[in-house]
Amino acid sequence: MTFFTADICDMHSDKVFVLGAGYKSYGGADKCQGEIVTVKLDKNNTELISLLRDEDGSGKIVVVDVDQAYYAVVGENLMKFAQQNNYAGIIVNGYIRDTFQIRDIPVALYALGTCSRKYIPVTQGERNTPLSFGGLDFNSGDYLYADTDGVIVSADKIV
């Protein structure tokens, strides 16, 4: 991948929006680009598991909103599923775990921080629903670009 989010912002300032501060990179890939698939969770990650494990993610980035609940929704197993099914990256409005294990898995992962525990009771999640966090609106079908400088979103494919 030969893009840089700073260059995209400079060349397409009228088409891109930047995710707010506080999101850190934890995955083994330092950049990603692709079409957004949204997932809204209520603490439990069952819906996210089935997406990453069972569906082809070629050219896709999963954007997950868990309302910053202090439970890990992505860890080593989900990152392995994402890699096996060719997902480019995962953006989490919440927390992740297994950072030692996932740093070598070549999938981009951005989150607010880490938490050792996960939420055990199964709750229902929703796919392809509009999400809003970090000063951005995320819609399935929009495009996301992320690198070491940040995460940007555009309604149009730019790169």
C-alpha atoms as a PDB file:
ATOM      1  CA  MET A   1       0.000   0.000   0.000  1.00  0.00           C
ATOM      2  CA  THR A   2       1.501   3.273  -1.077  1.00  0.00           C
ATOM      3  CA  PHE A   3      -0.887   5.822   0.397  1.00  0.00           C
ATOM      4  CA  PHE A   4      -0.456   8.156   3.345  1.00  0.00           C
ATOM      5  CA  THR A   5      -3.458   9.594   5.178  1.00  0.00           C
ATOM      6  CA  ALA A   6      -1.752  12.995   5.425  1.00  0.00           C
ATOM      7  CA  ASP A   7      -1.408  13.155   1.633  1.00  0.00           C
ATOM      8  CA  ILE A   8      -5.014  12.060   1.127  1.00  0.00           C
ATOM      9  CA  CYS A   9      -6.171  14.780   3.541  1.00  0.00           C
ATOM     10  CA  ASP A  10      -4.104  17.389   1.676  1.00  0.00           C
ATOM     11  CA  MET A  11      -5.356  16.384  -1.772  1.00  0.00           C
ATOM     12  CA  HIS A  12      -8.992  15.641  -0.845  1.00  0.00           C
ATOM     13  CA  SER A  13      -9.763  17.864   2.138  1.00  0.00           C
ATOM     14  CA  ASP A  14     -13.340  18.315   0.933  1.00  0.00           C
ATOM     15  CA  LYS A  15     -13.975  14.532   0.803  1.00  0.00           C
ATOM     16  CA  VAL A  16     -12.382  13.103   3.945  1.00  0.00           C
ATOM     17  CA  PHE A  17     -13.114  13.160   7.662  1.00  0.00           C
ATOM     18  CA  VAL A  18     -10.590  12.362  10.406  1.00  0.00           C
ATOM     19  CA  LEU A  19     -11.221  10.134  13.427  1.00  0.00           C
ATOM     20  CA  GLY A  20     -10.701  11.994  16.701  1.00  0.00           C
ATOM     21  CA  ALA A  21      -7.768  11.528  19.039  1.00  0.00           C
ATOM     22  CA  GLY A  22      -7.311   8.614  21.400  1.00  0.00           C
ATOM     23  CA  TYR A  23      -7.353   5.616  19.058  1.00  0.00           C
ATOM     24  CA  LYS A  24      -4.114   3.593  19.027  1.00  0.00           C
ATOM     25  CA  SER A  25      -2.708   1.020  16.623  1.00  0.00           C
ATOM     26  CA  TYR A  26      -2.313  -2.503  18.037  1.00  0.00           C
ATOM     27  CA  GLY A  27      -2.329  -4.825  15.029  1.00  0.00           C
ATOM     28  CA  GLY A  28       0.499  -6.274  12.997  1.00  0.00           C
ATOM     29  CA  ALA A  29      -0.248  -4.088   9.959  1.00  0.00           C
ATOM     30  CA  ASP A  30       0.586  -0.411  10.256  1.00  0.00           C
ATOM     31  CA  LYS A  31      -1.854   0.667   7.558  1.00  0.00           C
ATOM     32  CA  CYS A  32      -5.034  -0.501   5.878  1.00  0.00           C
ATOM     33  CA  GLN A  33      -7.630   0.620   3.393  1.00  0.00           C
ATOM     34  CA  GLY A  34     -10.982  -0.745   2.378  1.00  0.00           C
ATOM     35  CA  GLU A  35     -14.736  -0.662   2.328  1.00  0.00           C
ATOM     36  CA  ILE A  36     -16.394  -0.274   5.723  1.00  0.00           C
ATOM     37  CA  VAL A  37     -18.630  -2.918   7.292  1.00  0.00           C
ATOM     38  CA  THR A  38     -20.243  -1.634  10.507  1.00  0.00           C
ATOM     39  CA  VAL A  39     -21.084  -3.670  13.595  1.00  0.00           C
ATOM     40  CA  LYS A  40     -22.869  -2.309  16.679  1.00  0.00           C
ATOM     41  CA  LEU A  41     -22.314  -4.449  19.793  1.00  0.00           C
ATOM     42  CA  ASP A  42     -23.759  -4.521  23.286  1.00  0.00           C
ATOM     43  CA  LYS A  43     -20.577  -5.561  25.157  1.00  0.00           C
ATOM     44  CA  ASN A  44     -20.558  -9.160  23.831  1.00  0.00           C
ATOM     45  CA  ASN A  45     -18.731  -9.885  20.572  1.00  0.00           C
ATOM     46  CA  THR A  46     -20.718 -12.877  19.242  1.00  0.00           C
ATOM     47  CA  GLU A  47     -21.913 -10.969  16.153  1.00  0.00           C
ATOM     48  CA  LEU A  48     -18.347  -9.864  15.405  1.00  0.00           C
ATOM     49  CA  ILE A  49     -17.034 -13.414  15.805  1.00  0.00           C
ATOM     50  CA  SER A  50     -19.449 -14.780  13.212  1.00  0.00           C
ATOM     51  CA  LEU A  51     -18.606 -11.987  10.763  1.00  0.00           C
ATOM     52  CA  LEU A  52     -14.824 -12.388  11.012  1.00  0.00           C
ATOM     53  CA  ARG A  53     -14.901 -16.198  11.168  1.00  0.00           C
ATOM     54  CA  ASP A  54     -17.510 -16.953   8.511  1.00  0.00           C
ATOM     55  CA  GLU A  55     -17.400 -14.250   5.833  1.00  0.00           C
ATOM     56  CA  ASP A  56     -14.876 -13.177   3.215  1.00  0.00           C
ATOM     57  CA  GLY A  57     -13.378  -9.839   4.178  1.00  0.00           C
ATOM     58  CA  SER A  58     -11.329  -9.121   1.065  1.00  0.00           C
ATOM     59  CA  GLY A  59     -11.057  -5.347   0.682  1.00  0.00           C
ATOM     60  CA  LYS A  60     -13.026  -4.689   3.882  1.00  0.00           C
ATOM     61  CA  ILE A  61     -12.489  -3.016   7.222  1.00  0.00           C
ATOM     62  CA  VAL A  62     -14.801  -3.719  10.146  1.00  0.00           C
ATOM     63  CA  VAL A  63     -15.799  -0.704  12.236  1.00  0.00           C
ATOM     64  CA  VAL A  64     -17.094  -1.792  15.649  1.00  0.00           C
ATOM     65  CA  ASP A  65     -18.971   0.388  18.132  1.00  0.00           C
ATOM     66  CA  VAL A  66     -19.384  -0.907  21.667  1.00  0.00           C
ATOM     67  CA  ASP A  67     -19.972   2.557  23.206  1.00  0.00           C
ATOM     68  CA  GLN A  68     -16.548   2.428  24.876  1.00  0.00           C
ATOM     69  CA  ALA A  69     -17.752  -0.256  27.318  1.00  0.00           C
ATOM     70  CA  TYR A  70     -14.761  -1.459  29.326  1.00  0.00           C
ATOM     71  CA  TYR A  71     -14.693  -5.027  27.989  1.00  0.00           C
ATOM     72  CA  ALA A  72     -12.391  -6.438  25.319  1.00  0.00           C
ATOM     73  CA  VAL A  73     -14.221  -7.189  22.074  1.00  0.00           C
ATOM     74  CA  VAL A  74     -11.213  -8.171  19.936  1.00  0.00           C
ATOM     75  CA  GLY A  75      -8.352 -10.467  20.900  1.00  0.00           C
ATOM     76  CA  GLU A  76      -6.045 -13.063  19.406  1.00  0.00           C
ATOM     77  CA  ASN A  77      -8.737 -15.442  18.130  1.00  0.00           C
ATOM     78  CA  LEU A  78     -10.727 -12.747  16.339  1.00  0.00           C
ATOM     79  CA  MET A  79      -7.562 -11.323  14.790  1.00  0.00           C
ATOM     80  CA  LYS A  80      -6.712 -14.817  13.496  1.00  0.00           C
ATOM     81  CA  PHE A  81     -10.214 -15.084  11.983  1.00  0.00           C
ATOM     82  CA  ALA A  82      -9.756 -11.656  10.391  1.00  0.00           C
ATOM     83  CA  GLN A  83      -6.435 -12.720   8.883  1.00  0.00           C
ATOM     84  CA  GLN A  84      -7.806 -16.051   7.611  1.00  0.00           C
ATOM     85  CA  ASN A  85     -10.702 -14.293   5.874  1.00  0.00           C
ATOM     86  CA  ASN A  86      -8.595 -11.451   4.429  1.00  0.00           C
ATOM     87  CA  TYR A  87      -9.962  -8.492   6.409  1.00  0.00           C
ATOM     88  CA  ALA A  88      -7.668  -5.462   6.078  1.00  0.00           C
ATOM     89  CA  GLY A  89      -8.402  -4.038   9.495  1.00  0.00           C
ATOM     90  CA  ILE A  90     -10.666  -3.472  12.480  1.00  0.00           C
ATOM     91  CA  ILE A  91     -11.476  -0.150  14.174  1.00  0.00           C
ATOM     92  CA  VAL A  92     -12.969  -0.486  17.679  1.00  0.00           C
ATOM     93  CA  ASN A  93     -14.735   2.223  19.654  1.00  0.00           C
ATOM     94  CA  GLY A  94     -13.769   0.307  22.756  1.00  0.00           C
ATOM     95  CA  TYR A  95     -11.103  -2.026  24.020  1.00  0.00           C
ATOM     96  CA  ILE A  96      -9.083  -5.053  22.951  1.00  0.00           C
ATOM     97  CA  ARG A  97      -6.822  -7.655  24.581  1.00  0.00           C
ATOM     98  CA  ASP A  98      -4.052 -10.157  23.785  1.00  0.00           C
ATOM     99  CA  THR A  99      -1.811  -7.345  22.550  1.00  0.00           C
ATOM    100  CA  PHE A 100       1.347  -9.446  22.835  1.00  0.00           C
ATOM    101  CA  GLN A 101      -0.110 -12.147  20.566  1.00  0.00           C
ATOM    102  CA  ILE A 102      -1.789  -9.879  18.013  1.00  0.00           C
ATOM    103  CA  ARG A 103       1.123  -7.603  17.253  1.00  0.00           C
ATOM    104  CA  ASP A 104       2.433 -10.171  14.764  1.00  0.00           C
ATOM    105  CA  ILE A 105      -0.901 -10.819  13.016  1.00  0.00           C
ATOM    106  CA  PRO A 106      -0.836  -8.787   9.765  1.00  0.00           C
ATOM    107  CA  VAL A 107      -4.210  -7.101  10.217  1.00  0.00           C
ATOM    108  CA  ALA A 108      -4.550  -3.449  11.246  1.00  0.00           C
ATOM    109  CA  LEU A 109      -6.296  -2.902  14.573  1.00  0.00           C
ATOM    110  CA  TYR A 110      -7.140   0.460  16.146  1.00  0.00           C
ATOM    111  CA  ALA A 111      -8.835   0.807  19.537  1.00  0.00           C
ATOM    112  CA  LEU A 112      -9.048   3.080  22.564  1.00  0.00           C
ATOM    113  CA  GLY A 113      -6.992   0.807  24.780  1.00  0.00           C
ATOM    114  CA  THR A 114      -6.779  -2.581  26.414  1.00  0.00           C
ATOM    115  CA  CYS A 115      -8.843  -4.536  28.917  1.00  0.00           C
ATOM    116  CA  SER A 116      -8.167  -8.093  30.095  1.00  0.00           C
ATOM    117  CA  ARG A 117     -11.778  -9.167  30.514  1.00  0.00           C
ATOM    118  CA  LYS A 118     -14.465  -9.915  27.966  1.00  0.00           C
ATOM    119  CA  TYR A 119     -18.236  -9.823  28.396  1.00  0.00           C
ATOM    120  CA  ILE A 120     -19.490 -13.407  28.655  1.00  0.00           C
ATOM    121  CA  PRO A 121     -23.316 -13.246  28.472  1.00  0.00           C
ATOM    122  CA  VAL A 122     -24.406 -13.309  24.818  1.00  0.00           C
ATOM    123  CA  THR A 123     -26.118 -10.145  23.632  1.00  0.00           C
ATOM    124  CA  GLN A 124     -27.418  -9.253  20.190  1.00  0.00           C
ATOM    125  CA  GLY A 125     -25.365  -7.141  17.791  1.00  0.00           C
ATOM    126  CA  GLU A 126     -26.359  -5.320  14.597  1.00  0.00           C
ATOM    127  CA  ARG A 127     -24.569  -5.191  11.264  1.00  0.00           C
ATOM    128  CA  ASN A 128     -24.615  -2.482   8.625  1.00  0.00           C
ATOM    129  CA  THR A 129     -26.132   0.113  10.914  1.00  0.00           C
ATOM    130  CA  PRO A 130     -24.858   3.721  10.841  1.00  0.00           C
ATOM    131  CA  LEU A 131     -22.349   4.401  13.618  1.00  0.00           C
ATOM    132  CA  SER A 132     -21.095   7.660  15.070  1.00  0.00           C
ATOM    133  CA  PHE A 133     -18.056   8.074  17.330  1.00  0.00           C
ATOM    134  CA  GLY A 134     -14.759   9.922  17.473  1.00  0.00           C
ATOM    135  CA  GLY A 135     -16.320  12.862  15.626  1.00  0.00           C
ATOM    136  CA  LEU A 136     -17.158  10.717  12.583  1.00  0.00           C
ATOM    137  CA  ASP A 137     -20.115   9.003  10.994  1.00  0.00           C
ATOM    138  CA  PHE A 138     -19.416   5.511   9.671  1.00  0.00           C
ATOM    139  CA  ASN A 139     -21.658   3.832   7.110  1.00  0.00           C
ATOM    140  CA  SER A 140     -21.275   0.428   5.525  1.00  0.00           C
ATOM    141  CA  GLY A 141     -19.997   0.992   2.007  1.00  0.00           C
ATOM    142  CA  ASP A 142     -17.923   4.085   2.854  1.00  0.00           C
ATOM    143  CA  TYR A 143     -14.131   3.834   2.577  1.00  0.00           C
ATOM    144  CA  LEU A 144     -11.595   3.961   5.362  1.00  0.00           C
ATOM    145  CA  TYR A 145      -7.856   4.623   5.193  1.00  0.00           C
ATOM    146  CA  ALA A 146      -5.594   4.249   8.227  1.00  0.00           C
ATOM    147  CA  ASP A 147      -1.870   4.523   8.869  1.00  0.00           C
ATOM    148  CA  THR A 148       0.474   5.657  11.616  1.00  0.00           C
ATOM    149  CA  ASP A 149      -0.835   9.239  11.320  1.00  0.00           C
ATOM    150  CA  GLY A 150      -4.496   8.432  11.794  1.00  0.00           C
ATOM    151  CA  VAL A 151      -7.792   7.100  10.476  1.00  0.00           C
ATOM    152  CA  ILE A 152      -9.820   8.858   7.774  1.00  0.00           C
ATOM    153  CA  VAL A 153     -13.157   8.116   6.146  1.00  0.00           C
ATOM    154  CA  SER A 154     -14.630   9.085   2.801  1.00  0.00           C
ATOM    155  CA  ALA A 155     -17.922   8.288   1.107  1.00  0.00           C
ATOM    156  CA  ASP A 156     -15.895   7.735  -2.098  1.00  0.00           C
ATOM    157  CA  LYS A 157     -13.036   5.389  -2.891  1.00  0.00           C
ATOM    158  CA  ILE A 158     -10.005   7.671  -3.224  1.00  0.00           C
ATOM    159  CA  VAL A 159      -7.048   5.288  -3.479  1.00  0.00           C
END
